[in-house]
Amino acid sequence: MRSADQWKDYELIDATGGNRLERWGETILVRPDPQVVWKNEPVSPLWRRADAVYHRSSKGGGSWEYRRPLPQKWKIGYGALKLVVSPTGFKHTGVFPEQAVNWDWYARKIAAAGRPVKILNLFGYTGGATLACAAAGAQVCHVDASKGIVAWARENAAASALADKPIRWIVDDCAKFVAREQRRGSLYDGIIMDPPSYGRGPGGEVWKLEDNIYDLIALCAGVLSKQPLFVAVNSYTTGLSPAVMEYILKTTLCGRYGGRTSCDEIGLPVSATEGVVPCGATALWEEE
């Protein structure tokens, strides 16, 4: 497992009984996590000092219990990046801190390339990967279907002093955008994708990642340059193993571009126990 262990402004303090105890800057939150199935006694005394706790509802969703007044949003830093944190009604905060281990990997690959690099970030969310790539010198196209989320990502770019970097901000369906880019002949040296596990199309059709991941990766292969740098596929879908995603990358890319593939879980270190909570998986293709 690759652990995102370079944070200063974020800390996974403790984890047990289906919940995480987290520090976001100076703010302590308790949030549910389905991976935390163990039920040992809490180790940290800070559980009692949490500023807000997210409670799931038996009817779906949930809500925050605020134990003291909190700002609607605040900033945390990761290296030179500044990211806006804001608790949402779906327990999320706008940052997936485990992805920092991937941000660092993307940045290293771009910095070491020694040539101009164009990156396509699909399902780009609030832009952590986009900003890491832009800060490393890449030209980035950031795509997400949510107008509000793209606005949040642009706010993060401004906070990180990266607003003037060559970033295209696109609000669109990712698969449809890639298909149009293919028809236009637009090519990219790297592709990052973090597709959702489940969704519904405009006609109400059900979209499941495990049923659509192969077609999505094959579509994206059509917009890679002649000498691509990397492709990264992130997943939080429990029924889709890292090895399956790696196999798809191998069969769609290695025959055409050579290179090598790898896969692993990503996670967050727990300060109280020195364990690591798994938080998703990443499969990678990279040039040799």
Protein backbone atom coordinates (compact mmCIF):
# COMPACT_ATOMS: atom_id res chain seq x y z
CA MET A 1 0.00 0.00 0.00
CA ARG A 2 1.22 3.51 -0.82
CA SER A 3 0.59 5.88 2.06
CA ALA A 4 -0.02 9.64 1.83
CA ASP A 5 2.32 10.41 4.72
CA GLN A 6 3.63 13.88 3.80
CA TRP A 7 0.75 15.96 5.13
CA LYS A 8 1.27 18.71 7.69
CA ASP A 9 -2.21 20.32 7.67
CA TYR A 10 -4.15 17.05 7.62
CA GLU A 11 -3.92 14.16 10.07
CA LEU A 12 -5.87 10.93 10.46
CA ILE A 13 -5.64 10.87 14.24
CA ASP A 14 -7.55 7.66 14.99
CA ALA A 15 -9.99 5.27 13.35
CA THR A 16 -12.37 2.70 14.82
CA GLY A 17 -16.02 1.64 14.89
CA GLY A 18 -16.74 2.80 11.36
CA ASN A 19 -15.42 6.35 11.89
CA ARG A 20 -12.35 8.45 11.28
CA LEU A 21 -11.08 11.12 13.66
CA GLU A 22 -9.37 13.73 11.47
CA ARG A 23 -7.60 17.05 11.84
CA TRP A 24 -8.12 19.51 9.00
CA GLY A 25 -5.84 22.40 9.84
CA GLU A 26 -6.93 23.27 13.39
CA THR A 27 -10.40 21.71 13.02
CA ILE A 28 -11.19 18.18 14.22
CA LEU A 29 -13.91 16.24 12.40
CA VAL A 30 -15.42 12.79 12.85
CA ARG A 31 -16.60 11.18 9.62
CA PRO A 32 -17.87 7.67 8.79
CA ASP A 33 -15.68 5.35 6.73
CA PRO A 34 -16.99 1.94 5.58
CA GLN A 35 -13.43 0.55 5.46
CA VAL A 36 -13.04 1.02 9.23
CA VAL A 37 -14.68 -2.26 10.22
CA TRP A 38 -12.54 -2.86 13.33
CA LYS A 39 -14.02 -2.06 16.74
CA ASN A 40 -11.09 -1.61 19.09
CA GLU A 41 -11.36 0.94 21.87
CA PRO A 42 -10.57 4.51 20.73
CA VAL A 43 -6.93 5.34 21.40
CA SER A 44 -6.90 9.13 21.06
CA PRO A 45 -8.57 11.33 23.70
CA LEU A 46 -9.42 13.82 20.96
CA TRP A 47 -12.63 11.99 20.03
CA ARG A 48 -14.32 13.95 22.84
CA ARG A 49 -12.99 17.25 21.47
CA ALA A 50 -14.24 16.92 17.89
CA ASP A 51 -15.59 20.18 16.49
CA ALA A 52 -18.15 18.42 14.27
CA VAL A 53 -19.46 14.88 13.79
CA TYR A 54 -21.17 13.52 10.68
CA HIS A 55 -24.10 11.21 11.45
CA ARG A 56 -25.46 8.89 8.80
CA SER A 57 -29.22 8.66 8.37
CA SER A 58 -31.04 5.33 8.11
CA LYS A 59 -32.89 6.85 5.14
CA GLY A 60 -29.65 7.63 3.29
CA GLY A 61 -27.31 10.61 3.45
CA GLY A 62 -26.83 12.24 6.81
CA SER A 63 -26.01 15.52 8.51
CA TRP A 64 -23.36 17.31 10.56
CA GLU A 65 -23.60 17.88 14.29
CA TYR A 66 -21.59 21.03 15.00
CA ARG A 67 -20.28 21.13 18.54
CA ARG A 68 -18.92 24.64 18.07
CA PRO A 69 -19.36 27.26 15.35
CA LEU A 70 -17.17 26.60 12.33
CA PRO A 71 -16.49 28.71 9.25
CA GLN A 72 -18.27 27.56 6.11
CA LYS A 73 -14.86 26.95 4.55
CA TRP A 74 -11.19 27.27 5.36
CA LYS A 75 -7.83 26.47 3.70
CA ILE A 76 -5.23 23.80 4.31
CA GLY A 77 -1.86 23.42 2.62
CA TYR A 78 -0.08 20.54 0.96
CA GLY A 79 3.39 21.65 -0.01
CA ALA A 80 2.87 24.76 -2.15
CA LEU A 81 -0.78 23.92 -2.79
CA LYS A 82 -3.64 25.60 -0.90
CA LEU A 83 -6.94 23.75 -0.83
CA VAL A 84 -10.34 24.98 0.34
CA VAL A 85 -12.02 22.67 2.86
CA SER A 86 -15.79 22.84 3.31
CA PRO A 87 -17.90 20.11 4.97
CA THR A 88 -20.71 19.06 2.62
CA GLY A 89 -24.03 17.34 3.22
CA PHE A 90 -22.57 14.09 1.87
CA LYS A 91 -19.79 13.93 4.55
CA HIS A 92 -17.08 15.03 2.09
CA THR A 93 -14.85 18.05 2.63
CA GLY A 94 -13.65 18.82 -0.90
CA VAL A 95 -10.30 17.08 -0.42
CA PHE A 96 -9.42 13.39 -0.61
CA PRO A 97 -6.14 13.52 1.34
CA GLU A 98 -5.04 10.01 0.37
CA GLN A 99 -4.71 11.23 -3.23
CA ALA A 100 -1.69 13.32 -2.23
CA VAL A 101 0.52 10.27 -2.75
CA ASN A 102 -0.65 10.27 -6.39
CA TRP A 103 -0.26 14.06 -6.75
CA ASP A 104 3.40 13.64 -5.81
CA TRP A 105 3.85 10.82 -8.32
CA TYR A 106 2.31 12.85 -11.16
CA ALA A 107 4.50 15.83 -10.30
CA ARG A 108 7.67 13.74 -10.30
CA LYS A 109 6.84 12.19 -13.68
CA ILE A 110 6.14 15.59 -15.24
CA ALA A 111 9.23 17.26 -13.78
CA ALA A 112 11.45 14.40 -14.96
CA ALA A 113 10.01 14.31 -18.49
CA GLY A 114 12.26 17.10 -19.76
CA ARG A 115 9.70 18.13 -22.37
CA PRO A 116 6.35 19.95 -22.59
CA VAL A 117 3.59 17.80 -21.15
CA LYS A 118 -0.19 18.00 -21.65
CA ILE A 119 -2.37 16.33 -19.01
CA LEU A 120 -6.08 15.46 -19.18
CA ASN A 121 -7.67 15.19 -15.73
CA LEU A 122 -11.10 13.54 -15.98
CA PHE A 123 -13.61 13.65 -13.11
CA GLY A 124 -11.18 16.24 -11.78
CA TYR A 125 -13.24 17.16 -8.69
CA THR A 126 -11.78 20.12 -6.77
CA GLY A 127 -8.49 20.01 -8.62
CA GLY A 128 -5.80 18.58 -6.35
CA ALA A 129 -4.27 16.54 -9.19
CA THR A 130 -4.76 19.38 -11.67
CA LEU A 131 -2.88 21.82 -9.46
CA ALA A 132 -0.07 19.37 -8.69
CA CYS A 133 0.44 18.80 -12.42
CA ALA A 134 0.26 22.51 -13.26
CA ALA A 135 2.72 23.38 -10.50
CA ALA A 136 5.11 20.78 -11.95
CA GLY A 137 5.02 22.56 -15.32
CA ALA A 138 2.29 20.74 -17.26
CA GLN A 139 -0.49 22.18 -19.38
CA VAL A 140 -3.71 20.71 -17.93
CA CYS A 141 -7.28 20.18 -19.12
CA HIS A 142 -9.55 19.72 -16.08
CA VAL A 143 -12.96 18.15 -16.76
CA ASP A 144 -15.86 17.57 -14.38
CA ALA A 145 -19.61 17.43 -14.96
CA SER A 146 -20.42 19.67 -11.97
CA LYS A 147 -20.27 23.42 -12.52
CA GLY A 148 -20.02 24.04 -8.77
CA ILE A 149 -17.14 21.59 -8.35
CA VAL A 150 -15.19 23.17 -11.22
CA ALA A 151 -15.73 26.57 -9.58
CA TRP A 152 -14.32 25.09 -6.36
CA ALA A 153 -11.29 23.81 -8.28
CA ARG A 154 -10.71 27.27 -9.76
CA GLU A 155 -10.90 28.72 -6.25
CA ASN A 156 -8.18 26.27 -5.21
CA ALA A 157 -6.06 27.35 -8.18
CA ALA A 158 -6.37 30.99 -7.13
CA ALA A 159 -5.54 30.12 -3.51
CA SER A 160 -2.45 28.23 -4.72
CA ALA A 161 -1.30 31.14 -6.91
CA LEU A 162 -1.79 28.94 -9.99
CA ALA A 163 -4.70 30.78 -11.62
CA ASP A 164 -2.45 32.06 -14.41
CA LYS A 165 -1.12 28.62 -15.29
CA PRO A 166 -2.24 26.99 -18.59
CA ILE A 167 -5.30 25.16 -17.24
CA ARG A 168 -8.51 24.64 -19.24
CA TRP A 169 -11.56 24.37 -17.00
CA ILE A 170 -14.29 22.27 -18.67
CA VAL A 171 -17.77 21.51 -17.35
CA ASP A 172 -18.91 18.47 -19.33
CA ASP A 173 -19.64 14.76 -19.30
CA CYS A 174 -16.17 13.22 -19.32
CA ALA A 175 -16.79 10.42 -21.81
CA LYS A 176 -18.55 12.75 -24.23
CA PHE A 177 -15.73 15.29 -23.93
CA VAL A 178 -13.08 12.63 -24.67
CA ALA A 179 -15.04 11.45 -27.72
CA ARG A 180 -15.14 15.01 -29.05
CA GLU A 181 -11.43 15.50 -28.34
CA GLN A 182 -10.73 12.35 -30.34
CA ARG A 183 -12.71 13.69 -33.30
CA ARG A 184 -10.84 17.01 -33.02
CA GLY A 185 -7.48 15.25 -32.98
CA SER A 186 -6.54 16.62 -29.55
CA LEU A 187 -3.82 14.57 -27.88
CA TYR A 188 -2.47 14.34 -24.33
CA ASP A 189 0.76 13.02 -22.82
CA GLY A 190 -0.89 11.95 -19.60
CA ILE A 191 -4.41 11.05 -18.46
CA ILE A 192 -5.73 10.94 -14.91
CA MET A 193 -9.21 9.66 -14.18
CA ASP A 194 -11.17 9.23 -10.94
CA PRO A 195 -14.56 8.00 -12.16
CA PRO A 196 -17.48 7.56 -9.75
CA SER A 197 -18.57 4.10 -8.65
CA TYR A 198 -22.19 4.70 -9.58
CA GLY A 199 -24.31 7.26 -11.35
CA ARG A 200 -27.22 7.92 -13.66
CA GLY A 201 -27.13 9.30 -17.17
CA PRO A 202 -29.33 12.10 -18.48
CA GLY A 203 -31.95 9.56 -19.54
CA GLY A 204 -31.97 7.86 -16.14
CA GLU A 205 -29.74 5.00 -17.30
CA VAL A 206 -27.65 3.39 -14.56
CA TRP A 207 -23.87 3.77 -14.85
CA LYS A 208 -21.67 1.34 -12.88
CA LEU A 209 -17.93 1.71 -12.98
CA GLU A 210 -17.18 -2.01 -13.09
CA ASP A 211 -19.41 -2.34 -16.18
CA ASN A 212 -17.99 0.71 -17.98
CA ILE A 213 -14.34 1.00 -16.96
CA TYR A 214 -12.96 -0.94 -19.94
CA ASP A 215 -14.82 1.17 -22.50
CA LEU A 216 -13.77 4.37 -20.72
CA ILE A 217 -10.07 3.46 -20.71
CA ALA A 218 -10.22 2.27 -24.32
CA LEU A 219 -11.84 5.58 -25.31
CA CYS A 220 -9.14 7.55 -23.50
CA ALA A 221 -6.42 5.57 -25.29
CA GLY A 222 -7.58 7.32 -28.46
CA VAL A 223 -6.44 10.74 -27.22
CA LEU A 224 -2.94 9.75 -26.10
CA SER A 225 0.02 11.30 -27.89
CA LYS A 226 2.59 9.24 -29.81
CA GLN A 227 4.88 9.28 -26.76
CA PRO A 228 2.64 9.32 -23.68
CA LEU A 229 4.04 9.74 -20.21
CA PHE A 230 1.47 8.04 -17.97
CA VAL A 231 -2.15 7.02 -17.44
CA ALA A 232 -3.59 6.77 -13.92
CA VAL A 233 -6.95 5.25 -12.97
CA ASN A 234 -8.27 5.79 -9.44
CA SER A 235 -11.17 3.88 -7.94
CA TYR A 236 -13.12 3.74 -4.70
CA THR A 237 -15.33 0.91 -5.96
CA THR A 238 -15.00 -2.06 -3.61
CA GLY A 239 -16.00 -4.54 -6.32
CA LEU A 240 -13.26 -3.38 -8.69
CA SER A 241 -9.83 -4.61 -7.64
CA PRO A 242 -6.60 -2.77 -8.46
CA ALA A 243 -5.43 -5.82 -10.42
CA VAL A 244 -8.47 -5.63 -12.72
CA MET A 245 -7.73 -1.99 -13.53
CA GLU A 246 -4.08 -2.81 -14.15
CA TYR A 247 -5.03 -5.65 -16.48
CA ILE A 248 -7.18 -3.29 -18.53
CA LEU A 249 -4.32 -0.78 -18.80
CA LYS A 250 -1.94 -3.55 -19.83
CA THR A 251 -4.20 -4.90 -22.57
CA THR A 252 -5.21 -1.49 -23.95
CA LEU A 253 -1.86 0.34 -23.78
CA CYS A 254 1.18 -1.93 -23.54
CA GLY A 255 0.76 -3.49 -26.97
CA ARG A 256 0.68 -0.05 -28.57
CA TYR A 257 3.09 1.94 -26.41
CA GLY A 258 5.18 -0.61 -24.51
CA GLY A 259 5.83 0.71 -21.02
CA ARG A 260 4.91 -0.95 -17.76
CA THR A 261 1.92 -1.17 -15.45
CA SER A 262 1.47 -1.36 -11.69
CA CYS A 263 -1.31 -1.15 -9.15
CA ASP A 264 -1.77 -0.77 -5.43
CA GLU A 265 -4.07 0.44 -2.71
CA ILE A 266 -3.55 3.94 -1.38
CA GLY A 267 -4.10 4.88 2.23
CA LEU A 268 -3.62 7.22 5.17
CA PRO A 269 -1.42 6.61 8.21
CA VAL A 270 -3.18 6.64 11.59
CA SER A 271 -1.26 8.63 14.18
CA ALA A 272 -2.70 6.87 17.24
CA THR A 273 -1.94 3.31 16.14
CA GLU A 274 0.70 3.63 13.38
CA GLY A 275 -1.58 1.58 11.16
CA VAL A 276 -2.75 2.58 7.67
CA VAL A 277 -6.39 2.87 6.62
CA PRO A 278 -6.96 1.79 2.98
CA CYS A 279 -8.76 4.52 1.05
CA GLY A 280 -9.02 3.35 -2.54
CA ALA A 281 -6.85 1.99 -5.31
CA THR A 282 -4.78 3.24 -8.23
CA ALA A 283 -3.61 1.49 -11.39
CA LEU A 284 -0.81 3.08 -13.40
CA TRP A 285 0.67 2.79 -16.87
CA GLU A 286 3.94 4.63 -17.47
CA GLU A 287 6.51 4.89 -20.18
CA GLU A 288 9.81 3.08 -19.67
